[in-house]
N, C-alpha and C. Protein backbone atom coordinates (compact mmCIF):
# COMPACT_ATOMS: atom_id res chain seq x y z
N UNK A 1 -22.12 -34.83 9.48
CA UNK A 1 -23.35 -34.33 10.03
C UNK A 1 -23.23 -32.83 10.22
N UNK A 2 -24.09 -32.04 9.63
CA UNK A 2 -23.99 -30.59 9.76
C UNK A 2 -24.40 -30.12 11.16
N UNK A 3 -23.88 -28.97 11.52
CA UNK A 3 -24.23 -28.38 12.80
C UNK A 3 -25.65 -27.85 12.74
N UNK A 4 -26.35 -27.99 13.83
CA UNK A 4 -27.71 -27.46 13.85
C UNK A 4 -27.67 -25.98 14.21
N UNK A 5 -28.66 -25.26 13.76
CA UNK A 5 -28.76 -23.84 14.07
C UNK A 5 -29.12 -23.69 15.53
N UNK A 6 -28.60 -22.63 16.17
CA UNK A 6 -28.99 -22.40 17.56
C UNK A 6 -30.49 -22.13 17.64
N UNK A 7 -31.09 -22.62 18.69
CA UNK A 7 -32.53 -22.43 18.84
C UNK A 7 -32.83 -20.99 19.21
N UNK A 8 -33.79 -20.41 18.52
CA UNK A 8 -34.20 -19.04 18.83
C UNK A 8 -35.12 -19.09 20.03
N UNK A 9 -34.91 -18.19 20.98
CA UNK A 9 -35.78 -18.14 22.14
C UNK A 9 -35.87 -16.70 22.62
N UNK A 10 -36.69 -16.50 23.58
CA UNK A 10 -36.85 -15.16 24.16
C UNK A 10 -35.78 -14.96 25.22
N UNK A 11 -34.91 -14.02 24.97
CA UNK A 11 -33.85 -13.70 25.92
C UNK A 11 -34.24 -12.44 26.68
N UNK A 12 -33.80 -12.39 27.92
CA UNK A 12 -33.91 -11.13 28.65
C UNK A 12 -32.64 -10.34 28.31
N UNK A 13 -32.61 -9.10 28.69
CA UNK A 13 -31.42 -8.28 28.40
C UNK A 13 -30.19 -8.86 29.07
N UNK A 14 -30.33 -9.29 30.32
CA UNK A 14 -29.18 -9.84 31.06
C UNK A 14 -28.68 -11.15 30.44
N UNK A 15 -29.60 -12.01 29.99
CA UNK A 15 -29.20 -13.27 29.36
C UNK A 15 -28.46 -13.01 28.05
N UNK A 16 -28.96 -12.09 27.27
CA UNK A 16 -28.30 -11.76 26.01
C UNK A 16 -26.94 -11.11 26.25
N UNK A 17 -26.86 -10.30 27.28
CA UNK A 17 -25.60 -9.67 27.66
C UNK A 17 -24.57 -10.74 28.05
N UNK A 18 -24.98 -11.70 28.86
CA UNK A 18 -24.08 -12.79 29.28
C UNK A 18 -23.61 -13.60 28.08
N UNK A 19 -24.53 -13.86 27.15
CA UNK A 19 -24.16 -14.57 25.93
C UNK A 19 -23.11 -13.77 25.15
N UNK A 20 -23.32 -12.45 25.05
CA UNK A 20 -22.40 -11.59 24.30
C UNK A 20 -21.03 -11.55 24.96
N UNK A 21 -20.98 -11.46 26.27
CA UNK A 21 -19.70 -11.45 26.99
C UNK A 21 -18.95 -12.75 26.74
N UNK A 22 -19.67 -13.86 26.74
CA UNK A 22 -19.05 -15.15 26.44
C UNK A 22 -18.50 -15.21 25.03
N UNK A 23 -19.27 -14.68 24.08
CA UNK A 23 -18.82 -14.66 22.68
C UNK A 23 -17.59 -13.77 22.52
N UNK A 24 -17.57 -12.65 23.22
CA UNK A 24 -16.41 -11.75 23.16
C UNK A 24 -15.21 -12.32 23.90
N UNK A 25 -15.45 -13.17 24.87
CA UNK A 25 -14.34 -13.80 25.60
C UNK A 25 -13.61 -14.80 24.71
N UNK A 26 -14.34 -15.41 23.78
CA UNK A 26 -13.71 -16.37 22.87
C UNK A 26 -12.84 -15.68 21.84
N UNK A 27 -13.31 -14.55 21.32
CA UNK A 27 -12.51 -13.75 20.37
C UNK A 27 -13.13 -12.38 20.21
N UNK A 28 -12.31 -11.43 19.75
CA UNK A 28 -12.80 -10.08 19.52
C UNK A 28 -13.79 -10.10 18.35
N UNK A 29 -14.79 -9.24 18.43
CA UNK A 29 -15.77 -9.16 17.36
C UNK A 29 -16.13 -7.70 17.11
N UNK A 30 -16.66 -7.44 15.92
CA UNK A 30 -17.15 -6.11 15.60
C UNK A 30 -18.62 -6.03 16.01
N UNK A 31 -19.15 -4.82 15.99
CA UNK A 31 -20.56 -4.62 16.30
C UNK A 31 -21.43 -5.40 15.31
N UNK A 32 -21.08 -5.33 14.03
CA UNK A 32 -21.86 -6.02 13.00
C UNK A 32 -21.86 -7.54 13.21
N UNK A 33 -20.70 -8.10 13.57
CA UNK A 33 -20.63 -9.54 13.81
C UNK A 33 -21.49 -9.94 15.00
N UNK A 34 -21.46 -9.14 16.05
CA UNK A 34 -22.26 -9.44 17.24
C UNK A 34 -23.76 -9.34 16.94
N UNK A 35 -24.13 -8.36 16.14
CA UNK A 35 -25.54 -8.23 15.77
C UNK A 35 -25.99 -9.44 14.96
N UNK A 36 -25.13 -9.96 14.08
CA UNK A 36 -25.47 -11.16 13.32
C UNK A 36 -25.69 -12.35 14.26
N UNK A 37 -24.83 -12.47 15.26
CA UNK A 37 -24.99 -13.54 16.24
C UNK A 37 -26.32 -13.40 16.98
N UNK A 38 -26.63 -12.19 17.37
CA UNK A 38 -27.88 -11.95 18.10
C UNK A 38 -29.10 -12.28 17.24
N UNK A 39 -29.08 -11.85 15.98
CA UNK A 39 -30.23 -12.10 15.10
C UNK A 39 -30.46 -13.60 14.90
N UNK A 40 -29.40 -14.38 14.94
CA UNK A 40 -29.54 -15.82 14.79
C UNK A 40 -30.12 -16.46 16.05
N UNK A 41 -30.02 -15.80 17.19
CA UNK A 41 -30.46 -16.38 18.45
C UNK A 41 -31.77 -15.83 18.97
N UNK A 42 -32.00 -14.55 18.74
CA UNK A 42 -33.19 -13.91 19.31
C UNK A 42 -34.41 -14.24 18.46
N UNK A 43 -35.44 -14.70 19.12
CA UNK A 43 -36.65 -15.19 18.47
C UNK A 43 -37.32 -14.14 17.58
N UNK A 44 -37.50 -12.97 18.09
CA UNK A 44 -38.20 -11.91 17.34
C UNK A 44 -37.26 -10.74 17.06
N UNK A 45 -36.09 -11.06 16.46
CA UNK A 45 -35.05 -10.06 16.22
C UNK A 45 -35.49 -8.95 15.30
N UNK A 46 -36.44 -9.21 14.41
CA UNK A 46 -36.90 -8.20 13.45
C UNK A 46 -38.01 -7.32 14.01
N UNK A 47 -38.56 -7.71 15.15
CA UNK A 47 -39.62 -6.88 15.76
C UNK A 47 -38.99 -5.67 16.45
N UNK A 48 -39.82 -4.74 16.82
CA UNK A 48 -39.35 -3.53 17.51
C UNK A 48 -38.68 -3.91 18.84
N UNK A 49 -39.29 -4.88 19.55
CA UNK A 49 -38.74 -5.33 20.83
C UNK A 49 -37.35 -5.95 20.63
N UNK A 50 -37.22 -6.81 19.62
CA UNK A 50 -35.95 -7.48 19.36
C UNK A 50 -34.85 -6.50 18.99
N UNK A 51 -35.17 -5.55 18.13
CA UNK A 51 -34.18 -4.54 17.73
C UNK A 51 -33.75 -3.70 18.92
N UNK A 52 -34.70 -3.32 19.76
CA UNK A 52 -34.39 -2.52 20.94
C UNK A 52 -33.53 -3.31 21.91
N UNK A 53 -33.86 -4.57 22.11
CA UNK A 53 -33.09 -5.43 23.01
C UNK A 53 -31.64 -5.54 22.53
N UNK A 54 -31.46 -5.78 21.24
CA UNK A 54 -30.11 -5.91 20.67
C UNK A 54 -29.34 -4.60 20.84
N UNK A 55 -29.98 -3.48 20.55
CA UNK A 55 -29.31 -2.18 20.68
C UNK A 55 -28.94 -1.89 22.14
N UNK A 56 -29.81 -2.26 23.08
CA UNK A 56 -29.51 -2.05 24.51
C UNK A 56 -28.27 -2.84 24.93
N UNK A 57 -28.19 -4.08 24.49
CA UNK A 57 -27.04 -4.91 24.85
C UNK A 57 -25.76 -4.37 24.20
N UNK A 58 -25.85 -3.97 22.94
CA UNK A 58 -24.70 -3.39 22.24
C UNK A 58 -24.22 -2.13 22.97
N UNK A 59 -25.14 -1.26 23.33
CA UNK A 59 -24.81 -0.02 24.06
C UNK A 59 -24.13 -0.35 25.38
N UNK A 60 -24.66 -1.33 26.10
CA UNK A 60 -24.10 -1.74 27.40
C UNK A 60 -22.67 -2.25 27.23
N UNK A 61 -22.45 -3.04 26.20
CA UNK A 61 -21.10 -3.57 25.93
C UNK A 61 -20.13 -2.44 25.56
N UNK A 62 -20.60 -1.50 24.77
CA UNK A 62 -19.75 -0.36 24.40
C UNK A 62 -19.41 0.49 25.62
N UNK A 63 -20.42 0.73 26.48
CA UNK A 63 -20.19 1.55 27.68
C UNK A 63 -19.17 0.92 28.61
N UNK A 64 -19.15 -0.38 28.67
CA UNK A 64 -18.21 -1.09 29.55
C UNK A 64 -16.85 -1.29 28.88
N UNK A 65 -16.73 -0.94 27.60
CA UNK A 65 -15.46 -1.06 26.90
C UNK A 65 -15.18 -2.44 26.32
N UNK A 66 -16.19 -3.30 26.27
CA UNK A 66 -16.00 -4.64 25.72
C UNK A 66 -16.09 -4.66 24.20
N UNK A 67 -16.70 -3.66 23.64
CA UNK A 67 -16.97 -3.63 22.21
C UNK A 67 -16.55 -2.28 21.65
N UNK A 68 -15.54 -2.30 20.76
CA UNK A 68 -15.03 -1.06 20.20
C UNK A 68 -14.46 -1.36 18.81
N UNK A 69 -15.16 -0.93 17.77
CA UNK A 69 -14.73 -1.21 16.40
C UNK A 69 -13.41 -0.54 16.06
N UNK A 70 -13.13 0.61 16.63
CA UNK A 70 -11.88 1.32 16.35
C UNK A 70 -10.69 0.51 16.87
N UNK A 71 -10.79 0.03 18.10
CA UNK A 71 -9.71 -0.80 18.66
C UNK A 71 -9.59 -2.11 17.89
N UNK A 72 -10.73 -2.68 17.53
CA UNK A 72 -10.73 -3.93 16.78
C UNK A 72 -10.00 -3.74 15.45
N UNK A 73 -10.33 -2.68 14.73
CA UNK A 73 -9.71 -2.44 13.42
C UNK A 73 -8.21 -2.20 13.54
N UNK A 74 -7.79 -1.47 14.56
CA UNK A 74 -6.36 -1.21 14.76
C UNK A 74 -5.61 -2.51 15.08
N UNK A 75 -6.17 -3.29 15.97
CA UNK A 75 -5.56 -4.57 16.35
C UNK A 75 -5.51 -5.52 15.16
N UNK A 76 -6.63 -5.66 14.46
CA UNK A 76 -6.74 -6.55 13.31
C UNK A 76 -5.73 -6.15 12.23
N UNK A 77 -5.62 -4.84 11.95
CA UNK A 77 -4.71 -4.36 10.91
C UNK A 77 -3.26 -4.69 11.24
N UNK A 78 -2.86 -4.39 12.46
CA UNK A 78 -1.46 -4.65 12.82
C UNK A 78 -1.17 -6.14 12.88
N UNK A 79 -2.14 -6.92 13.32
CA UNK A 79 -1.95 -8.37 13.38
C UNK A 79 -1.79 -8.96 11.98
N UNK A 80 -2.65 -8.57 11.05
CA UNK A 80 -2.56 -9.08 9.68
C UNK A 80 -1.31 -8.58 8.98
N UNK A 81 -0.89 -7.36 9.28
CA UNK A 81 0.33 -6.81 8.68
C UNK A 81 1.55 -7.58 9.19
N UNK A 82 1.62 -7.83 10.49
CA UNK A 82 2.81 -8.44 11.07
C UNK A 82 2.85 -9.96 10.92
N UNK A 83 1.72 -10.63 11.08
CA UNK A 83 1.73 -12.09 11.05
C UNK A 83 1.56 -12.67 9.66
N UNK A 84 0.55 -12.21 8.93
CA UNK A 84 0.33 -12.76 7.59
C UNK A 84 1.04 -11.97 6.50
N UNK A 85 1.57 -10.82 6.84
CA UNK A 85 2.32 -9.96 5.90
C UNK A 85 1.44 -9.46 4.76
N UNK A 86 0.14 -9.28 5.01
CA UNK A 86 -0.76 -8.80 3.98
C UNK A 86 -0.55 -7.33 3.67
N UNK A 87 -0.98 -6.93 2.47
CA UNK A 87 -0.92 -5.55 2.05
C UNK A 87 -2.18 -4.80 2.45
N UNK A 88 -2.17 -3.49 2.18
CA UNK A 88 -3.28 -2.62 2.57
C UNK A 88 -4.64 -3.06 2.04
N UNK A 89 -4.72 -3.32 0.74
CA UNK A 89 -6.02 -3.63 0.14
C UNK A 89 -6.65 -4.89 0.73
N UNK A 90 -5.85 -5.88 1.05
CA UNK A 90 -6.38 -7.12 1.62
C UNK A 90 -6.96 -6.85 3.01
N UNK A 91 -6.27 -6.06 3.80
CA UNK A 91 -6.75 -5.76 5.15
C UNK A 91 -8.03 -4.92 5.08
N UNK A 92 -8.07 -3.96 4.17
CA UNK A 92 -9.27 -3.14 4.01
C UNK A 92 -10.46 -4.02 3.62
N UNK A 93 -10.25 -4.93 2.68
CA UNK A 93 -11.32 -5.83 2.25
C UNK A 93 -11.80 -6.71 3.40
N UNK A 94 -10.86 -7.27 4.16
CA UNK A 94 -11.23 -8.14 5.28
C UNK A 94 -12.02 -7.39 6.34
N UNK A 95 -11.64 -6.14 6.62
CA UNK A 95 -12.37 -5.36 7.61
C UNK A 95 -13.77 -4.99 7.11
N UNK A 96 -13.90 -4.72 5.81
CA UNK A 96 -15.22 -4.43 5.25
C UNK A 96 -16.14 -5.64 5.40
N UNK A 97 -15.60 -6.82 5.17
CA UNK A 97 -16.38 -8.05 5.32
C UNK A 97 -16.85 -8.21 6.76
N UNK A 98 -16.04 -7.78 7.70
CA UNK A 98 -16.40 -7.90 9.11
C UNK A 98 -17.36 -6.82 9.56
N UNK A 99 -17.69 -5.88 8.68
CA UNK A 99 -18.71 -4.89 9.00
C UNK A 99 -18.21 -3.63 9.66
N UNK A 100 -16.93 -3.34 9.55
CA UNK A 100 -16.37 -2.12 10.14
C UNK A 100 -16.65 -0.95 9.20
N UNK A 101 -16.94 0.21 9.77
CA UNK A 101 -17.26 1.41 9.00
C UNK A 101 -16.03 1.89 8.21
N UNK A 102 -16.25 2.45 7.03
CA UNK A 102 -15.18 2.87 6.13
C UNK A 102 -14.19 3.86 6.73
N UNK A 103 -14.69 4.85 7.48
CA UNK A 103 -13.79 5.84 8.09
C UNK A 103 -12.87 5.20 9.11
N UNK A 104 -13.42 4.28 9.89
CA UNK A 104 -12.63 3.58 10.91
C UNK A 104 -11.56 2.73 10.23
N UNK A 105 -11.93 2.08 9.14
CA UNK A 105 -10.97 1.26 8.40
C UNK A 105 -9.82 2.11 7.88
N UNK A 106 -10.15 3.23 7.24
CA UNK A 106 -9.11 4.09 6.68
C UNK A 106 -8.11 4.54 7.72
N UNK A 107 -8.61 4.99 8.87
CA UNK A 107 -7.72 5.46 9.95
C UNK A 107 -6.86 4.34 10.50
N UNK A 108 -7.45 3.17 10.71
CA UNK A 108 -6.71 2.04 11.29
C UNK A 108 -5.63 1.53 10.34
N UNK A 109 -5.97 1.40 9.08
CA UNK A 109 -5.00 0.88 8.11
C UNK A 109 -3.89 1.91 7.87
N UNK A 110 -4.26 3.17 7.83
CA UNK A 110 -3.26 4.23 7.65
C UNK A 110 -2.27 4.22 8.82
N UNK A 111 -2.78 4.07 10.03
CA UNK A 111 -1.91 4.03 11.21
C UNK A 111 -1.05 2.77 11.21
N UNK A 112 -1.62 1.64 10.81
CA UNK A 112 -0.88 0.38 10.81
C UNK A 112 0.26 0.37 9.79
N UNK A 113 0.05 1.04 8.66
CA UNK A 113 1.06 1.02 7.60
C UNK A 113 1.93 2.27 7.56
N UNK A 114 1.83 3.09 8.59
CA UNK A 114 2.66 4.29 8.66
C UNK A 114 4.12 3.87 8.81
N UNK A 115 4.94 4.30 7.87
CA UNK A 115 6.37 3.99 7.91
C UNK A 115 6.72 2.59 7.42
N UNK A 116 5.76 1.85 6.85
CA UNK A 116 6.02 0.50 6.35
C UNK A 116 6.19 0.57 4.84
N UNK A 117 7.28 0.00 4.36
CA UNK A 117 7.53 -0.06 2.93
C UNK A 117 6.69 -1.17 2.33
N UNK A 118 5.83 -0.82 1.36
CA UNK A 118 4.96 -1.83 0.76
C UNK A 118 5.78 -2.88 0.00
N UNK A 119 6.86 -2.45 -0.62
CA UNK A 119 7.68 -3.41 -1.35
C UNK A 119 8.34 -4.40 -0.39
N UNK A 120 8.84 -3.91 0.72
CA UNK A 120 9.45 -4.78 1.73
C UNK A 120 8.39 -5.75 2.28
N UNK A 121 7.19 -5.23 2.53
CA UNK A 121 6.09 -6.06 3.02
C UNK A 121 5.75 -7.16 2.01
N UNK A 122 5.74 -6.80 0.72
CA UNK A 122 5.43 -7.77 -0.33
C UNK A 122 6.51 -8.84 -0.42
N UNK A 123 7.76 -8.45 -0.26
CA UNK A 123 8.86 -9.42 -0.30
C UNK A 123 8.76 -10.39 0.89
N UNK A 124 8.40 -9.86 2.06
CA UNK A 124 8.21 -10.72 3.23
C UNK A 124 7.03 -11.67 3.02
N UNK A 125 5.99 -11.16 2.36
CA UNK A 125 4.83 -11.99 2.05
C UNK A 125 5.24 -13.14 1.13
N UNK A 126 6.03 -12.84 0.10
CA UNK A 126 6.50 -13.87 -0.82
C UNK A 126 7.39 -14.89 -0.09
N UNK A 127 8.24 -14.40 0.81
CA UNK A 127 9.10 -15.29 1.58
C UNK A 127 8.25 -16.21 2.47
N UNK A 128 7.21 -15.64 3.06
CA UNK A 128 6.31 -16.43 3.91
C UNK A 128 5.59 -17.51 3.10
N UNK A 129 5.26 -17.19 1.86
CA UNK A 129 4.59 -18.15 0.97
C UNK A 129 5.57 -19.06 0.24
N UNK A 130 6.86 -18.89 0.55
CA UNK A 130 7.93 -19.70 -0.05
C UNK A 130 7.97 -19.59 -1.57
N UNK A 131 7.82 -18.38 -2.05
CA UNK A 131 7.85 -18.14 -3.49
C UNK A 131 9.20 -17.51 -3.83
N UNK A 132 9.80 -18.01 -4.89
CA UNK A 132 11.12 -17.54 -5.31
C UNK A 132 11.03 -16.94 -6.71
N UNK A 133 12.16 -16.45 -7.18
CA UNK A 133 12.23 -15.83 -8.51
C UNK A 133 11.66 -16.77 -9.57
N UNK A 134 10.75 -16.28 -10.40
CA UNK A 134 10.10 -17.15 -11.39
C UNK A 134 11.07 -17.55 -12.51
N UNK A 135 10.87 -18.77 -12.98
CA UNK A 135 11.71 -19.28 -14.07
C UNK A 135 11.05 -19.13 -15.43
N UNK A 136 9.71 -19.02 -15.43
CA UNK A 136 9.00 -18.89 -16.70
C UNK A 136 7.76 -18.01 -16.50
N UNK A 137 7.01 -17.84 -17.58
CA UNK A 137 5.84 -16.96 -17.53
C UNK A 137 4.74 -17.50 -16.62
N UNK A 138 4.61 -18.80 -16.57
CA UNK A 138 3.58 -19.40 -15.72
C UNK A 138 3.84 -19.09 -14.24
N UNK A 139 5.08 -19.22 -13.82
CA UNK A 139 5.43 -18.91 -12.43
C UNK A 139 5.31 -17.42 -12.16
N UNK A 140 5.64 -16.61 -13.15
CA UNK A 140 5.51 -15.17 -13.01
C UNK A 140 4.04 -14.79 -12.80
N UNK A 141 3.17 -15.37 -13.59
CA UNK A 141 1.74 -15.09 -13.46
C UNK A 141 1.22 -15.57 -12.10
N UNK A 142 1.73 -16.69 -11.62
CA UNK A 142 1.33 -17.22 -10.31
C UNK A 142 1.74 -16.25 -9.20
N UNK A 143 2.95 -15.74 -9.27
CA UNK A 143 3.44 -14.79 -8.27
C UNK A 143 2.61 -13.50 -8.34
N UNK A 144 2.31 -13.06 -9.54
CA UNK A 144 1.49 -11.86 -9.73
C UNK A 144 0.13 -12.04 -9.05
N UNK A 145 -0.53 -13.17 -9.32
CA UNK A 145 -1.84 -13.43 -8.71
C UNK A 145 -1.75 -13.54 -7.19
N UNK A 146 -0.70 -14.17 -6.71
CA UNK A 146 -0.52 -14.33 -5.26
C UNK A 146 -0.37 -12.97 -4.58
N UNK A 147 0.40 -12.08 -5.20
CA UNK A 147 0.58 -10.74 -4.63
C UNK A 147 -0.70 -9.92 -4.70
N UNK A 148 -1.48 -10.12 -5.76
CA UNK A 148 -2.77 -9.43 -5.85
C UNK A 148 -3.70 -9.89 -4.72
N UNK A 149 -3.75 -11.20 -4.49
CA UNK A 149 -4.57 -11.75 -3.40
C UNK A 149 -4.07 -11.26 -2.05
N UNK A 150 -2.77 -11.03 -1.95
CA UNK A 150 -2.17 -10.55 -0.70
C UNK A 150 -2.48 -9.10 -0.41
N UNK A 151 -3.04 -8.39 -1.39
CA UNK A 151 -3.45 -7.01 -1.16
C UNK A 151 -2.43 -5.97 -1.55
N UNK A 152 -1.54 -6.28 -2.46
CA UNK A 152 -0.52 -5.33 -2.88
C UNK A 152 -0.90 -4.69 -4.20
N UNK A 153 -0.48 -3.44 -4.37
CA UNK A 153 -0.82 -2.68 -5.56
C UNK A 153 0.02 -3.08 -6.76
N UNK A 154 -0.48 -2.75 -7.95
CA UNK A 154 0.22 -3.08 -9.19
C UNK A 154 1.62 -2.49 -9.23
N UNK A 155 1.76 -1.26 -8.75
CA UNK A 155 3.07 -0.59 -8.77
C UNK A 155 4.11 -1.40 -8.01
N UNK A 156 3.74 -1.88 -6.84
CA UNK A 156 4.66 -2.68 -6.01
C UNK A 156 4.95 -4.02 -6.67
N UNK A 157 3.94 -4.65 -7.19
CA UNK A 157 4.11 -5.97 -7.83
C UNK A 157 5.05 -5.86 -9.02
N UNK A 158 4.82 -4.85 -9.87
CA UNK A 158 5.67 -4.70 -11.06
C UNK A 158 7.09 -4.29 -10.68
N UNK A 159 7.23 -3.55 -9.60
CA UNK A 159 8.57 -3.19 -9.14
C UNK A 159 9.36 -4.44 -8.74
N UNK A 160 8.72 -5.34 -8.04
CA UNK A 160 9.38 -6.59 -7.63
C UNK A 160 9.70 -7.45 -8.85
N UNK A 161 8.74 -7.60 -9.74
CA UNK A 161 8.96 -8.44 -10.93
C UNK A 161 10.03 -7.86 -11.84
N UNK A 162 10.11 -6.53 -11.95
CA UNK A 162 11.16 -5.91 -12.78
C UNK A 162 12.54 -6.17 -12.20
N UNK A 163 12.64 -6.16 -10.88
CA UNK A 163 13.93 -6.43 -10.23
C UNK A 163 14.35 -7.88 -10.43
N UNK A 164 13.40 -8.75 -10.74
CA UNK A 164 13.69 -10.15 -11.03
C UNK A 164 13.92 -10.37 -12.52
N UNK A 165 14.05 -9.30 -13.27
CA UNK A 165 14.32 -9.35 -14.71
C UNK A 165 13.28 -10.14 -15.50
N UNK A 166 12.02 -9.91 -15.17
CA UNK A 166 10.93 -10.53 -15.91
C UNK A 166 10.76 -9.74 -17.21
N UNK A 167 10.42 -10.42 -18.27
CA UNK A 167 10.26 -9.83 -19.60
C UNK A 167 9.25 -8.68 -19.57
N UNK A 168 9.66 -7.51 -20.09
CA UNK A 168 8.81 -6.31 -20.10
C UNK A 168 7.51 -6.54 -20.86
N UNK A 169 7.59 -7.28 -21.94
CA UNK A 169 6.40 -7.54 -22.76
C UNK A 169 5.37 -8.35 -21.96
N UNK A 170 5.85 -9.34 -21.21
CA UNK A 170 4.94 -10.15 -20.39
C UNK A 170 4.34 -9.32 -19.25
N UNK A 171 5.14 -8.41 -18.68
CA UNK A 171 4.64 -7.54 -17.63
C UNK A 171 3.50 -6.64 -18.15
N UNK A 172 3.68 -6.12 -19.35
CA UNK A 172 2.60 -5.25 -19.90
C UNK A 172 1.36 -6.08 -20.19
N UNK A 173 1.55 -7.35 -20.57
CA UNK A 173 0.40 -8.24 -20.79
C UNK A 173 -0.34 -8.50 -19.47
N UNK A 174 0.41 -8.73 -18.40
CA UNK A 174 -0.19 -8.92 -17.07
C UNK A 174 -0.93 -7.68 -16.62
N UNK A 175 -0.34 -6.53 -16.89
CA UNK A 175 -0.95 -5.27 -16.51
C UNK A 175 -2.29 -5.05 -17.22
N UNK A 176 -2.32 -5.38 -18.49
CA UNK A 176 -3.56 -5.19 -19.24
C UNK A 176 -4.63 -6.18 -18.78
N UNK A 177 -4.25 -7.37 -18.36
CA UNK A 177 -5.22 -8.35 -17.88
C UNK A 177 -5.77 -7.99 -16.51
N UNK A 178 -4.96 -7.34 -15.68
CA UNK A 178 -5.40 -7.01 -14.32
C UNK A 178 -6.30 -5.79 -14.29
N UNK A 179 -6.26 -4.98 -15.32
CA UNK A 179 -7.08 -3.74 -15.32
C UNK A 179 -8.53 -3.98 -15.56
């Protein structure tokens, strides 16, 4: 049975604020994510009144320090780097999906990966995924795709595969397919 959509109704500023605080208590969110939640709940979200109401609540949350995309991006970046062992590109993509502004993303990811070796990060990612040295071309291609999904650059991926003595001809074939 699918979940039903929340019923749209007329919220006062205080009611919408209380809803937002509850949503933020469950997990951190970006401004864009919170606005999406509001639009799904507020009856006349596209009207001038609805837009103003949403902006007032967002401003109130920011003023109280409950909502801050810069802190969110920094926390998210370090968490994904340390726990999931993702690379830069994956974290940038995930933050874009969450609606964080490009400048904020660049600063947060740069700070999170300062002094981190991408090759070491990629090796830890492979260890986390329980991937070992490939025995054939099929396994090599699988590792290549896994590292691409993990957000690592071609230079790092090929560096790891070369250290595993993967055939140079197959590596150039993979490189041409990824471009």
